[in-house]
Amino acid sequence: MMEPAAGLAAELAGLADRGEYLGAASEMLMKLFPSDHVVYNILDARTPSARVLSFPEYEDGNLSEAFLSVCDDHPILLSYLRDATPGLWAPRRLSDLVTDLALYRTRTYRVLLRPYCQRP
């Protein structure tokens, strides 16, 4: 019997393209950490440009634009920008950076989190 990690690696290696890989990885993450969505963000603050991929996809196709519009207000992004540590940054939880009340007052909450992240 193949080890679970080796089995997963073998399955992922057989995928045809990046989209299939991200879909399979997102599906696995949703099984490991039950959630409504898995979201992959790419942000280039210098350009500025953003790409946000969600699994399953949101029906509203403006998620990348919404993310880009709040990059100067988003508590996690601001935390990363203030971090002078060289190399890879440690993951951060929103709840470690800002209180609920302070978050609700941000443009990030109004434009991005409330419309896209609340359960129906």
PDB file of N, CA and C in Angstrom:
ATOM      1  N   MET A   1       0.841  -1.191   0.000  1.00  0.00           N
ATOM      2  CA  MET A   1       0.000   0.000   0.000  1.00  0.00           C
ATOM      3  C   MET A   1       0.882   1.249   0.000  1.00  0.00           C
ATOM      4  N   MET A   2       0.517   2.218  -0.831  1.00  0.00           N
ATOM      5  CA  MET A   2       1.286   3.450  -0.958  1.00  0.00           C
ATOM      6  C   MET A   2       0.992   4.397   0.209  1.00  0.00           C
ATOM      7  N   GLU A   3       2.018   5.070   0.715  1.00  0.00           N
ATOM      8  CA  GLU A   3       1.837   6.079   1.765  1.00  0.00           C
ATOM      9  C   GLU A   3       0.924   7.183   1.248  1.00  0.00           C
ATOM     10  N   PRO A   4       0.096   7.794   2.111  1.00  0.00           N
ATOM     11  CA  PRO A   4      -0.821   8.847   1.652  1.00  0.00           C
ATOM     12  C   PRO A   4      -0.123  10.004   0.942  1.00  0.00           C
ATOM     13  N   ALA A   5       1.020  10.476   1.470  1.00  0.00           N
ATOM     14  CA  ALA A   5       1.725  11.597   0.844  1.00  0.00           C
ATOM     15  C   ALA A   5       2.243  11.207  -0.536  1.00  0.00           C
ATOM     16  N   ALA A   6       2.747   9.987  -0.664  1.00  0.00           N
ATOM     17  CA  ALA A   6       3.241   9.527  -1.964  1.00  0.00           C
ATOM     18  C   ALA A   6       2.095   9.366  -2.942  1.00  0.00           C
ATOM     19  N   GLY A   7       0.965   8.867  -2.470  1.00  0.00           N
ATOM     20  CA  GLY A   7      -0.209   8.732  -3.327  1.00  0.00           C
ATOM     21  C   GLY A   7      -0.694  10.082  -3.831  1.00  0.00           C
ATOM     22  N   LEU A   8      -0.732  11.076  -2.943  1.00  0.00           N
ATOM     23  CA  LEU A   8      -1.147  12.418  -3.349  1.00  0.00           C
ATOM     24  C   LEU A   8      -0.175  12.994  -4.371  1.00  0.00           C
ATOM     25  N   ALA A   9       1.122  12.844  -4.122  1.00  0.00           N
ATOM     26  CA  ALA A   9       2.129  13.347  -5.064  1.00  0.00           C
ATOM     27  C   ALA A   9       1.971  12.692  -6.433  1.00  0.00           C
ATOM     28  N   ALA A  10       1.707  11.395  -6.455  1.00  0.00           N
ATOM     29  CA  ALA A  10       1.529  10.684  -7.721  1.00  0.00           C
ATOM     30  C   ALA A  10       0.297  11.193  -8.467  1.00  0.00           C
ATOM     31  N   GLU A  11      -0.785  11.437  -7.729  1.00  0.00           N
ATOM     32  CA  GLU A  11      -1.998  11.960  -8.363  1.00  0.00           C
ATOM     33  C   GLU A  11      -1.775  13.356  -8.920  1.00  0.00           C
ATOM     34  N   LEU A  12      -1.123  14.226  -8.148  1.00  0.00           N
ATOM     35  CA  LEU A  12      -0.902  15.599  -8.589  1.00  0.00           C
ATOM     36  C   LEU A  12       0.054  15.656  -9.778  1.00  0.00           C
ATOM     37  N   ALA A  13       1.037  14.770  -9.812  1.00  0.00           N
ATOM     38  CA  ALA A  13       2.006  14.754 -10.913  1.00  0.00           C
ATOM     39  C   ALA A  13       1.341  14.423 -12.240  1.00  0.00           C
ATOM     40  N   GLY A  14       0.240  13.711 -12.200  1.00  0.00           N
ATOM     41  CA  GLY A  14      -0.434  13.307 -13.427  1.00  0.00           C
ATOM     42  C   GLY A  14      -1.397  14.345 -13.992  1.00  0.00           C
ATOM     43  N   LEU A  15      -1.528  15.485 -13.353  1.00  0.00           N
ATOM     44  CA  LEU A  15      -2.465  16.502 -13.822  1.00  0.00           C
ATOM     45  C   LEU A  15      -1.883  17.272 -15.000  1.00  0.00           C
ATOM     46  N   ALA A  16      -2.757  17.666 -15.915  1.00  0.00           N
ATOM     47  CA  ALA A  16      -2.320  18.232 -17.183  1.00  0.00           C
ATOM     48  C   ALA A  16      -1.857  19.680 -17.106  1.00  0.00           C
ATOM     49  N   ASP A  17      -2.482  20.503 -16.267  1.00  0.00           N
ATOM     50  CA  ASP A  17      -2.116  21.909 -16.261  1.00  0.00           C
ATOM     51  C   ASP A  17      -2.312  22.536 -14.882  1.00  0.00           C
ATOM     52  N   ARG A  18      -1.946  23.789 -14.777  1.00  0.00           N
ATOM     53  CA  ARG A  18      -2.005  24.504 -13.506  1.00  0.00           C
ATOM     54  C   ARG A  18      -3.429  24.576 -12.950  1.00  0.00           C
ATOM     55  N   GLY A  19      -4.406  24.791 -13.825  1.00  0.00           N
ATOM     56  CA  GLY A  19      -5.792  24.865 -13.390  1.00  0.00           C
ATOM     57  C   GLY A  19      -6.253  23.569 -12.734  1.00  0.00           C
ATOM     58  N   GLU A  20      -5.914  22.449 -13.342  1.00  0.00           N
ATOM     59  CA  GLU A  20      -6.269  21.145 -12.764  1.00  0.00           C
ATOM     60  C   GLU A  20      -5.560  20.943 -11.432  1.00  0.00           C
ATOM     61  N   TYR A  21      -4.283  21.339 -11.373  1.00  0.00           N
ATOM     62  CA  TYR A  21      -3.519  21.198 -10.136  1.00  0.00           C
ATOM     63  C   TYR A  21      -4.144  22.029  -9.019  1.00  0.00           C
ATOM     64  N   LEU A  22      -4.446  23.298  -9.285  1.00  0.00           N
ATOM     65  CA  LEU A  22      -5.035  24.163  -8.263  1.00  0.00           C
ATOM     66  C   LEU A  22      -6.405  23.647  -7.830  1.00  0.00           C
ATOM     67  N   GLY A  23      -7.188  23.128  -8.765  1.00  0.00           N
ATOM     68  CA  GLY A  23      -8.482  22.555  -8.421  1.00  0.00           C
ATOM     69  C   GLY A  23      -8.340  21.346  -7.505  1.00  0.00           C
ATOM     70  N   ALA A  24      -7.404  20.453  -7.831  1.00  0.00           N
ATOM     71  CA  ALA A  24      -7.187  19.253  -7.020  1.00  0.00           C
ATOM     72  C   ALA A  24      -6.630  19.617  -5.646  1.00  0.00           C
ATOM     73  N   ALA A  25      -5.689  20.553  -5.614  1.00  0.00           N
ATOM     74  CA  ALA A  25      -5.124  20.974  -4.332  1.00  0.00           C
ATOM     75  C   ALA A  25      -6.184  21.654  -3.467  1.00  0.00           C
ATOM     76  N   SER A  26      -7.044  22.453  -4.088  1.00  0.00           N
ATOM     77  CA  SER A  26      -8.118  23.125  -3.351  1.00  0.00           C
ATOM     78  C   SER A  26      -9.107  22.117  -2.792  1.00  0.00           C
ATOM     79  N   GLU A  27      -9.440  21.134  -3.589  1.00  0.00           N
ATOM     80  CA  GLU A  27     -10.359  20.082  -3.140  1.00  0.00           C
ATOM     81  C   GLU A  27      -9.783  19.344  -1.924  1.00  0.00           C
ATOM     82  N   MET A  28      -8.484  19.049  -1.983  1.00  0.00           N
ATOM     83  CA  MET A  28      -7.834  18.370  -0.872  1.00  0.00           C
ATOM     84  C   MET A  28      -7.849  19.258   0.380  1.00  0.00           C
ATOM     85  N   LEU A  29      -7.543  20.552   0.225  1.00  0.00           N
ATOM     86  CA  LEU A  29      -7.548  21.459   1.375  1.00  0.00           C
ATOM     87  C   LEU A  29      -8.931  21.569   2.005  1.00  0.00           C
ATOM     88  N   MET A  30      -9.972  21.573   1.171  1.00  0.00           N
ATOM     89  CA  MET A  30     -11.332  21.661   1.697  1.00  0.00           C
ATOM     90  C   MET A  30     -11.708  20.410   2.483  1.00  0.00           C
ATOM     91  N   LYS A  31     -11.143  19.277   2.109  1.00  0.00           N
ATOM     92  CA  LYS A  31     -11.405  18.046   2.866  1.00  0.00           C
ATOM     93  C   LYS A  31     -10.634  18.042   4.185  1.00  0.00           C
ATOM     94  N   LEU A  32      -9.401  18.558   4.151  1.00  0.00           N
ATOM     95  CA  LEU A  32      -8.584  18.591   5.362  1.00  0.00           C
ATOM     96  C   LEU A  32      -9.056  19.654   6.350  1.00  0.00           C
ATOM     97  N   PHE A  33      -9.463  20.804   5.813  1.00  0.00           N
ATOM     98  CA  PHE A  33      -9.893  21.943   6.625  1.00  0.00           C
ATOM     99  C   PHE A  33     -11.256  22.386   6.109  1.00  0.00           C
ATOM    100  N   PRO A  34     -12.334  21.798   6.627  1.00  0.00           N
ATOM    101  CA  PRO A  34     -13.668  22.102   6.098  1.00  0.00           C
ATOM    102  C   PRO A  34     -13.919  23.607   5.997  1.00  0.00           C
ATOM    103  N   SER A  35     -14.330  24.032   4.811  1.00  0.00           N
ATOM    104  CA  SER A  35     -14.573  25.449   4.544  1.00  0.00           C
ATOM    105  C   SER A  35     -15.496  25.583   3.343  1.00  0.00           C
ATOM    106  N   ASP A  36     -15.940  26.805   3.105  1.00  0.00           N
ATOM    107  CA  ASP A  36     -16.812  27.065   1.962  1.00  0.00           C
ATOM    108  C   ASP A  36     -16.026  27.243   0.671  1.00  0.00           C
ATOM    109  N   HIS A  37     -14.843  27.847   0.774  1.00  0.00           N
ATOM    110  CA  HIS A  37     -14.004  28.125  -0.389  1.00  0.00           C
ATOM    111  C   HIS A  37     -12.536  28.005  -0.019  1.00  0.00           C
ATOM    112  N   VAL A  38     -11.724  27.748  -1.024  1.00  0.00           N
ATOM    113  CA  VAL A  38     -10.282  27.880  -0.932  1.00  0.00           C
ATOM    114  C   VAL A  38      -9.913  28.945  -1.949  1.00  0.00           C
ATOM    115  N   VAL A  39      -9.097  29.902  -1.524  1.00  0.00           N
ATOM    116  CA  VAL A  39      -8.761  31.024  -2.398  1.00  0.00           C
ATOM    117  C   VAL A  39      -7.252  31.145  -2.505  1.00  0.00           C
ATOM    118  N   TYR A  40      -6.778  31.333  -3.731  1.00  0.00           N
ATOM    119  CA  TYR A  40      -5.370  31.500  -4.044  1.00  0.00           C
ATOM    120  C   TYR A  40      -5.202  32.911  -4.581  1.00  0.00           C
ATOM    121  N   ASN A  41      -4.335  33.711  -3.949  1.00  0.00           N
ATOM    122  CA  ASN A  41      -4.152  35.110  -4.328  1.00  0.00           C
ATOM    123  C   ASN A  41      -2.758  35.348  -4.889  1.00  0.00           C
ATOM    124  N   ILE A  42      -2.700  36.148  -5.950  1.00  0.00           N
ATOM    125  CA  ILE A  42      -1.428  36.621  -6.487  1.00  0.00           C
ATOM    126  C   ILE A  42      -1.557  38.140  -6.540  1.00  0.00           C
ATOM    127  N   LEU A  43      -0.638  38.833  -5.897  1.00  0.00           N
ATOM    128  CA  LEU A  43      -0.690  40.292  -5.870  1.00  0.00           C
ATOM    129  C   LEU A  43       0.673  40.850  -6.226  1.00  0.00           C
ATOM    130  N   ASP A  44       0.686  41.785  -7.158  1.00  0.00           N
ATOM    131  CA  ASP A  44       1.890  42.554  -7.472  1.00  0.00           C
ATOM    132  C   ASP A  44       1.549  44.007  -7.194  1.00  0.00           C
ATOM    133  N   ALA A  45       1.964  44.499  -6.033  1.00  0.00           N
ATOM    134  CA  ALA A  45       1.615  45.857  -5.622  1.00  0.00           C
ATOM    135  C   ALA A  45       2.319  46.909  -6.459  1.00  0.00           C
ATOM    136  N   ARG A  46       3.419  46.555  -7.099  1.00  0.00           N
ATOM    137  CA  ARG A  46       4.136  47.534  -7.922  1.00  0.00           C
ATOM    138  C   ARG A  46       3.434  47.820  -9.238  1.00  0.00           C
ATOM    139  N   THR A  47       2.768  46.831  -9.817  1.00  0.00           N
ATOM    140  CA  THR A  47       2.194  46.980 -11.149  1.00  0.00           C
ATOM    141  C   THR A  47       0.995  47.919 -11.201  1.00  0.00           C
ATOM    142  N   PRO A  48       0.028  48.010 -10.423  1.00  0.00           N
ATOM    143  CA  PRO A  48      -0.545  47.003  -9.537  1.00  0.00           C
ATOM    144  C   PRO A  48      -1.436  46.029 -10.319  1.00  0.00           C
ATOM    145  N   SER A  49      -1.368  44.771  -9.938  1.00  0.00           N
ATOM    146  CA  SER A  49      -2.237  43.770 -10.548  1.00  0.00           C
ATOM    147  C   SER A  49      -2.505  42.668  -9.532  1.00  0.00           C
ATOM    148  N   ALA A  50      -3.630  42.019  -9.698  1.00  0.00           N
ATOM    149  CA  ALA A  50      -4.005  40.938  -8.793  1.00  0.00           C
ATOM    150  C   ALA A  50      -4.736  39.859  -9.573  1.00  0.00           C
ATOM    151  N   ARG A  51      -4.569  38.639  -9.108  1.00  0.00           N
ATOM    152  CA  ARG A  51      -5.317  37.513  -9.653  1.00  0.00           C
ATOM    153  C   ARG A  51      -5.775  36.684  -8.470  1.00  0.00           C
ATOM    154  N   VAL A  52      -7.057  36.446  -8.407  1.00  0.00           N
ATOM    155  CA  VAL A  52      -7.628  35.668  -7.318  1.00  0.00           C
ATOM    156  C   VAL A  52      -8.374  34.489  -7.925  1.00  0.00           C
ATOM    157  N   LEU A  53      -7.977  33.300  -7.520  1.00  0.00           N
ATOM    158  CA  LEU A  53      -8.624  32.080  -7.975  1.00  0.00           C
ATOM    159  C   LEU A  53      -9.348  31.459  -6.797  1.00  0.00           C
ATOM    160  N   SER A  54     -10.588  31.093  -7.002  1.00  0.00           N
ATOM    161  CA  SER A  54     -11.394  30.535  -5.932  1.00  0.00           C
ATOM    162  C   SER A  54     -11.927  29.176  -6.356  1.00  0.00           C
ATOM    163  N   PHE A  55     -11.965  28.268  -5.398  1.00  0.00           N
ATOM    164  CA  PHE A  55     -12.559  26.960  -5.634  1.00  0.00           C
ATOM    165  C   PHE A  55     -13.574  26.697  -4.532  1.00  0.00           C
ATOM    166  N   PRO A  56     -14.817  26.415  -4.820  1.00  0.00           N
ATOM    167  CA  PRO A  56     -15.421  26.596  -6.133  1.00  0.00           C
ATOM    168  C   PRO A  56     -15.457  28.074  -6.498  1.00  0.00           C
ATOM    169  N   GLU A  57     -15.614  28.334  -7.780  1.00  0.00           N
ATOM    170  CA  GLU A  57     -15.573  29.710  -8.258  1.00  0.00           C
ATOM    171  C   GLU A  57     -16.762  30.509  -7.754  1.00  0.00           C
ATOM    172  N   TYR A  58     -16.499  31.789  -7.462  1.00  0.00           N
ATOM    173  CA  TYR A  58     -17.584  32.703  -7.133  1.00  0.00           C
ATOM    174  C   TYR A  58     -18.296  33.074  -8.424  1.00  0.00           C
ATOM    175  N   GLU A  59     -19.598  33.282  -8.337  1.00  0.00           N
ATOM    176  CA  GLU A  59     -20.355  33.647  -9.536  1.00  0.00           C
ATOM    177  C   GLU A  59     -19.996  35.035 -10.017  1.00  0.00           C
ATOM    178  N   ASP A  60     -19.674  35.948  -9.091  1.00  0.00           N
ATOM    179  CA  ASP A  60     -19.281  37.303  -9.448  1.00  0.00           C
ATOM    180  C   ASP A  60     -17.823  37.268  -9.880  1.00  0.00           C
ATOM    181  N   GLY A  61     -17.542  37.641 -11.109  1.00  0.00           N
ATOM    182  CA  GLY A  61     -16.196  37.550 -11.640  1.00  0.00           C
ATOM    183  C   GLY A  61     -15.281  38.695 -11.274  1.00  0.00           C
ATOM    184  N   ASN A  62     -15.655  39.562 -10.348  1.00  0.00           N
ATOM    185  CA  ASN A  62     -14.847  40.728 -10.019  1.00  0.00           C
ATOM    186  C   ASN A  62     -14.018  40.552  -8.748  1.00  0.00           C
ATOM    187  N   LEU A  63     -13.766  39.355  -8.336  1.00  0.00           N
ATOM    188  CA  LEU A  63     -13.027  39.108  -7.103  1.00  0.00           C
ATOM    189  C   LEU A  63     -11.609  39.686  -7.182  1.00  0.00           C
ATOM    190  N   SER A  64     -10.929  39.532  -8.310  1.00  0.00           N
ATOM    191  CA  SER A  64      -9.572  40.080  -8.457  1.00  0.00           C
ATOM    192  C   SER A  64      -9.585  41.599  -8.345  1.00  0.00           C
ATOM    193  N   GLU A  65     -10.550  42.241  -8.984  1.00  0.00           N
ATOM    194  CA  GLU A  65     -10.658  43.704  -8.905  1.00  0.00           C
ATOM    195  C   GLU A  65     -10.958  44.152  -7.483  1.00  0.00           C
ATOM    196  N   ALA A  66     -11.842  43.447  -6.789  1.00  0.00           N
ATOM    197  CA  ALA A  66     -12.169  43.809  -5.408  1.00  0.00           C
ATOM    198  C   ALA A  66     -10.936  43.671  -4.517  1.00  0.00           C
ATOM    199  N   PHE A  67     -10.168  42.600  -4.693  1.00  0.00           N
ATOM    200  CA  PHE A  67      -8.954  42.389  -3.907  1.00  0.00           C
ATOM    201  C   PHE A  67      -7.949  43.507  -4.158  1.00  0.00           C
ATOM    202  N   LEU A  68      -7.752  43.848  -5.410  1.00  0.00           N
ATOM    203  CA  LEU A  68      -6.800  44.904  -5.767  1.00  0.00           C
ATOM    204  C   LEU A  68      -7.232  46.255  -5.193  1.00  0.00           C
ATOM    205  N   SER A  69      -8.521  46.509  -5.150  1.00  0.00           N
ATOM    206  CA  SER A  69      -9.007  47.807  -4.677  1.00  0.00           C
ATOM    207  C   SER A  69      -8.810  48.019  -3.176  1.00  0.00           C
ATOM    208  N   VAL A  70      -8.559  46.944  -2.426  1.00  0.00           N
ATOM    209  CA  VAL A  70      -8.386  47.081  -0.975  1.00  0.00           C
ATOM    210  C   VAL A  70      -6.969  46.753  -0.511  1.00  0.00           C
ATOM    211  N   CYS A  71      -6.024  46.608  -1.422  1.00  0.00           N
ATOM    212  CA  CYS A  71      -4.685  46.178  -0.998  1.00  0.00           C
ATOM    213  C   CYS A  71      -4.005  47.198  -0.087  1.00  0.00           C
ATOM    214  N   ASP A  72      -4.403  48.476  -0.135  1.00  0.00           N
ATOM    215  CA  ASP A  72      -3.811  49.471   0.762  1.00  0.00           C
ATOM    216  C   ASP A  72      -4.531  49.544   2.110  1.00  0.00           C
ATOM    217  N   ASP A  73      -5.547  48.684   2.305  1.00  0.00           N
ATOM    218  CA  ASP A  73      -6.369  48.709   3.508  1.00  0.00           C
ATOM    219  C   ASP A  73      -6.445  47.340   4.193  1.00  0.00           C
ATOM    220  N   HIS A  74      -6.062  46.286   3.499  1.00  0.00           N
ATOM    221  CA  HIS A  74      -6.231  44.913   3.994  1.00  0.00           C
ATOM    222  C   HIS A  74      -5.247  44.643   5.134  1.00  0.00           C
ATOM    223  N   PRO A  75      -5.737  44.281   6.333  1.00  0.00           N
ATOM    224  CA  PRO A  75      -4.844  44.076   7.482  1.00  0.00           C
ATOM    225  C   PRO A  75      -3.735  43.055   7.258  1.00  0.00           C
ATOM    226  N   ILE A  76      -4.010  41.976   6.554  1.00  0.00           N
ATOM    227  CA  ILE A  76      -2.962  40.974   6.325  1.00  0.00           C
ATOM    228  C   ILE A  76      -1.906  41.519   5.367  1.00  0.00           C
ATOM    229  N   LEU A  77      -2.334  42.151   4.291  1.00  0.00           N
ATOM    230  CA  LEU A  77      -1.367  42.710   3.343  1.00  0.00           C
ATOM    231  C   LEU A  77      -0.513  43.785   4.008  1.00  0.00           C
ATOM    232  N   LEU A  78      -1.130  44.647   4.793  1.00  0.00           N
ATOM    233  CA  LEU A  78      -0.372  45.682   5.499  1.00  0.00           C
ATOM    234  C   LEU A  78       0.637  45.054   6.463  1.00  0.00           C
ATOM    235  N   SER A  79       0.254  43.977   7.107  1.00  0.00           N
ATOM    236  CA  SER A  79       1.159  43.286   8.018  1.00  0.00           C
ATOM    237  C   SER A  79       2.363  42.728   7.265  1.00  0.00           C
ATOM    238  N   TYR A  80       2.133  42.121   6.107  1.00  0.00           N
ATOM    239  CA  TYR A  80       3.240  41.595   5.313  1.00  0.00           C
ATOM    240  C   TYR A  80       4.151  42.722   4.831  1.00  0.00           C
ATOM    241  N   LEU A  81       3.566  43.845   4.414  1.00  0.00           N
ATOM    242  CA  LEU A  81       4.374  44.958   3.913  1.00  0.00           C
ATOM    243  C   LEU A  81       5.249  45.565   5.010  1.00  0.00           C
ATOM    244  N   ARG A  82       4.780  45.526   6.246  1.00  0.00           N
ATOM    245  CA  ARG A  82       5.560  46.061   7.373  1.00  0.00           C
ATOM    246  C   ARG A  82       6.620  45.082   7.866  1.00  0.00           C
ATOM    247  N   ASP A  83       6.546  43.833   7.438  1.00  0.00           N
ATOM    248  CA  ASP A  83       7.463  42.791   7.903  1.00  0.00           C
ATOM    249  C   ASP A  83       8.796  42.905   7.165  1.00  0.00           C
ATOM    250  N   ALA A  84       9.858  43.185   7.898  1.00  0.00           N
ATOM    251  CA  ALA A  84      11.185  43.336   7.294  1.00  0.00           C
ATOM    252  C   ALA A  84      11.980  42.032   7.292  1.00  0.00           C
ATOM    253  N   THR A  85      11.371  40.932   7.728  1.00  0.00           N
ATOM    254  CA  THR A  85      12.052  39.643   7.776  1.00  0.00           C
ATOM    255  C   THR A  85      12.374  39.175   6.358  1.00  0.00           C
ATOM    256  N   PRO A  86      13.648  38.858   6.085  1.00  0.00           N
ATOM    257  CA  PRO A  86      13.981  38.370   4.741  1.00  0.00           C
ATOM    258  C   PRO A  86      13.447  36.953   4.510  1.00  0.00           C
ATOM    259  N   GLY A  87      13.237  36.616   3.258  1.00  0.00           N
ATOM    260  CA  GLY A  87      12.792  35.264   2.915  1.00  0.00           C
ATOM    261  C   GLY A  87      11.289  35.106   2.984  1.00  0.00           C
ATOM    262  N   LEU A  88      10.855  33.875   3.188  1.00  0.00           N
ATOM    263  CA  LEU A  88       9.434  33.573   3.226  1.00  0.00           C
ATOM    264  C   LEU A  88       8.791  34.091   4.499  1.00  0.00           C
ATOM    265  N   TRP A  89       7.607  34.633   4.365  1.00  0.00           N
ATOM    266  CA  TRP A  89       6.874  35.138   5.518  1.00  0.00           C
ATOM    267  C   TRP A  89       6.057  34.024   6.148  1.00  0.00           C
ATOM    268  N   ALA A  90       5.849  34.128   7.432  1.00  0.00           N
ATOM    269  CA  ALA A  90       5.001  33.174   8.144  1.00  0.00           C
ATOM    270  C   ALA A  90       3.540  33.471   7.821  1.00  0.00           C
ATOM    271  N   PRO A  91       2.714  32.454   7.747  1.00  0.00           N
ATOM    272  CA  PRO A  91       1.280  32.684   7.523  1.00  0.00           C
ATOM    273  C   PRO A  91       0.689  33.501   8.669  1.00  0.00           C
ATOM    274  N   ARG A  92      -0.331  34.265   8.352  1.00  0.00           N
ATOM    275  CA  ARG A  92      -0.990  35.098   9.353  1.00  0.00           C
ATOM    276  C   ARG A  92      -2.484  34.864   9.318  1.00  0.00           C
ATOM    277  N   ARG A  93      -3.092  34.956  10.498  1.00  0.00           N
ATOM    278  CA  ARG A  93      -4.548  34.892  10.585  1.00  0.00           C
ATOM    279  C   ARG A  93      -5.069  36.297  10.805  1.00  0.00           C
ATOM    280  N   LEU A  94      -6.143  36.612  10.141  1.00  0.00           N
ATOM    281  CA  LEU A  94      -6.753  37.924  10.269  1.00  0.00           C
ATOM    282  C   LEU A  94      -7.097  38.224  11.723  1.00  0.00           C
ATOM    283  N   SER A  95      -7.587  37.228  12.437  1.00  0.00           N
ATOM    284  CA  SER A  95      -7.999  37.426  13.828  1.00  0.00           C
ATOM    285  C   SER A  95      -6.821  37.746  14.754  1.00  0.00           C
ATOM    286  N   ASP A  96      -5.586  37.443  14.336  1.00  0.00           N
ATOM    287  CA  ASP A  96      -4.414  37.799  15.133  1.00  0.00           C
ATOM    288  C   ASP A  96      -3.977  39.247  14.905  1.00  0.00           C
ATOM    289  N   LEU A  97      -4.484  39.865  13.858  1.00  0.00           N
ATOM    290  CA  LEU A  97      -4.022  41.193  13.475  1.00  0.00           C
ATOM    291  C   LEU A  97      -4.996  42.317  13.794  1.00  0.00           C
ATOM    292  N   VAL A  98      -6.282  41.996  13.840  1.00  0.00           N
ATOM    293  CA  VAL A  98      -7.283  43.047  14.001  1.00  0.00           C
ATOM    294  C   VAL A  98      -8.497  42.476  14.732  1.00  0.00           C
ATOM    295  N   THR A  99      -9.123  43.306  15.566  1.00  0.00           N
ATOM    296  CA  THR A  99     -10.343  42.869  16.244  1.00  0.00           C
ATOM    297  C   THR A  99     -11.494  42.843  15.250  1.00  0.00           C
ATOM    298  N   ASP A 100     -12.551  42.134  15.585  1.00  0.00           N
ATOM    299  CA  ASP A 100     -13.724  42.104  14.707  1.00  0.00           C
ATOM    300  C   ASP A 100     -14.262  43.507  14.465  1.00  0.00           C
ATOM    301  N   LEU A 101     -14.387  44.295  15.522  1.00  0.00           N
ATOM    302  CA  LEU A 101     -14.929  45.648  15.389  1.00  0.00           C
ATOM    303  C   LEU A 101     -14.060  46.510  14.474  1.00  0.00           C
ATOM    304  N   ALA A 102     -12.750  46.445  14.650  1.00  0.00           N
ATOM    305  CA  ALA A 102     -11.852  47.215  13.785  1.00  0.00           C
ATOM    306  C   ALA A 102     -11.946  46.724  12.337  1.00  0.00           C
ATOM    307  N   LEU A 103     -12.073  45.416  12.138  1.00  0.00           N
ATOM    308  CA  LEU A 103     -12.202  44.864  10.788  1.00  0.00           C
ATOM    309  C   LEU A 103     -13.476  45.366  10.113  1.00  0.00           C
ATOM    310  N   TYR A 104     -14.591  45.371  10.841  1.00  0.00           N
ATOM    311  CA  TYR A 104     -15.873  45.792  10.269  1.00  0.00           C
ATOM    312  C   TYR A 104     -15.835  47.240   9.796  1.00  0.00           C
ATOM    313  N   ARG A 105     -14.912  48.018  10.308  1.00  0.00           N
ATOM    314  CA  ARG A 105     -14.796  49.433   9.923  1.00  0.00           C
ATOM    315  C   ARG A 105     -13.915  49.645   8.694  1.00  0.00           C
ATOM    316  N   THR A 106     -13.292  48.592   8.191  1.00  0.00           N
ATOM    317  CA  THR A 106     -12.367  48.736   7.065  1.00  0.00           C
ATOM    318  C   THR A 106     -13.087  48.652   5.722  1.00  0.00           C
ATOM    319  N   ARG A 107     -12.464  49.247   4.727  1.00  0.00           N
ATOM    320  CA  ARG A 107     -12.941  49.125   3.349  1.00  0.00           C
ATOM    321  C   ARG A 107     -12.801  47.672   2.887  1.00  0.00           C
ATOM    322  N   THR A 108     -11.770  46.985   3.384  1.00  0.00           N
ATOM    323  CA  THR A 108     -11.577  45.571   3.051  1.00  0.00           C
ATOM    324  C   THR A 108     -12.812  44.759   3.406  1.00  0.00           C
ATOM    325  N   TYR A 109     -13.367  44.994   4.567  1.00  0.00           N
ATOM    326  CA  TYR A 109     -14.563  44.262   4.981  1.00  0.00           C
ATOM    327  C   TYR A 109     -15.755  44.619   4.095  1.00  0.00           C
ATOM    328  N   ARG A 110     -15.954  45.909   3.862  1.00  0.00           N
ATOM    329  CA  ARG A 110     -17.120  46.349   3.090  1.00  0.00           C
ATOM    330  C   ARG A 110     -17.070  45.911   1.626  1.00  0.00           C
ATOM    331  N   VAL A 111     -15.890  45.964   1.010  1.00  0.00           N
ATOM    332  CA  VAL A 111     -15.756  45.706  -0.427  1.00  0.00           C
ATOM    333  C   VAL A 111     -15.461  44.243  -0.746  1.00  0.00           C
ATOM    334  N   LEU A 112     -14.694  43.588   0.113  1.00  0.00           N
ATOM    335  CA  LEU A 112     -14.215  42.238  -0.210  1.00  0.00           C
ATOM    336  C   LEU A 112     -14.790  41.148   0.695  1.00  0.00           C
ATOM    337  N   LEU A 113     -14.630  41.306   1.984  1.00  0.00           N
ATOM    338  CA  LEU A 113     -14.989  40.201   2.881  1.00  0.00           C
ATOM    339  C   LEU A 113     -16.486  40.021   3.058  1.00  0.00           C
ATOM    340  N   ARG A 114     -17.226  41.089   3.283  1.00  0.00           N
ATOM    341  CA  ARG A 114     -18.665  40.938   3.481  1.00  0.00           C
ATOM    342  C   ARG A 114     -19.351  40.405   2.228  1.00  0.00           C
ATOM    343  N   PRO A 115     -19.101  40.984   1.052  1.00  0.00           N
ATOM    344  CA  PRO A 115     -19.806  40.459  -0.132  1.00  0.00           C
ATOM    345  C   PRO A 115     -19.395  39.058  -0.563  1.00  0.00           C
ATOM    346  N   TYR A 116     -18.123  38.705  -0.386  1.00  0.00           N
ATOM    347  CA  TYR A 116     -17.633  37.443  -0.923  1.00  0.00           C
ATOM    348  C   TYR A 116     -17.531  36.321   0.113  1.00  0.00           C
ATOM    349  N   CYS A 117     -17.413  36.649   1.374  1.00  0.00           N
ATOM    350  CA  CYS A 117     -17.073  35.622   2.359  1.00  0.00           C
ATOM    351  C   CYS A 117     -18.187  35.259   3.327  1.00  0.00           C
ATOM    352  N   GLN A 118     -19.298  35.933   3.273  1.00  0.00           N
ATOM    353  CA  GLN A 118     -20.384  35.573   4.193  1.00  0.00           C
ATOM    354  C   GLN A 118     -21.164  34.401   3.635  1.00  0.00           C
ATOM    355  N   ARG A 119     -21.566  33.539   4.537  1.00  0.00           N
ATOM    356  CA  ARG A 119     -22.383  32.390   4.129  1.00  0.00           C
ATOM    357  C   ARG A 119     -23.800  32.869   3.847  1.00  0.00           C
ATOM    358  N   PRO A 120     -24.489  32.215   2.921  1.00  0.00           N
ATOM    359  CA  PRO A 120     -25.869  32.624   2.614  1.00  0.00           C
ATOM    360  C   PRO A 120     -26.804  32.397   3.775  1.00  0.00           C
TER     361      PRO A 120
END
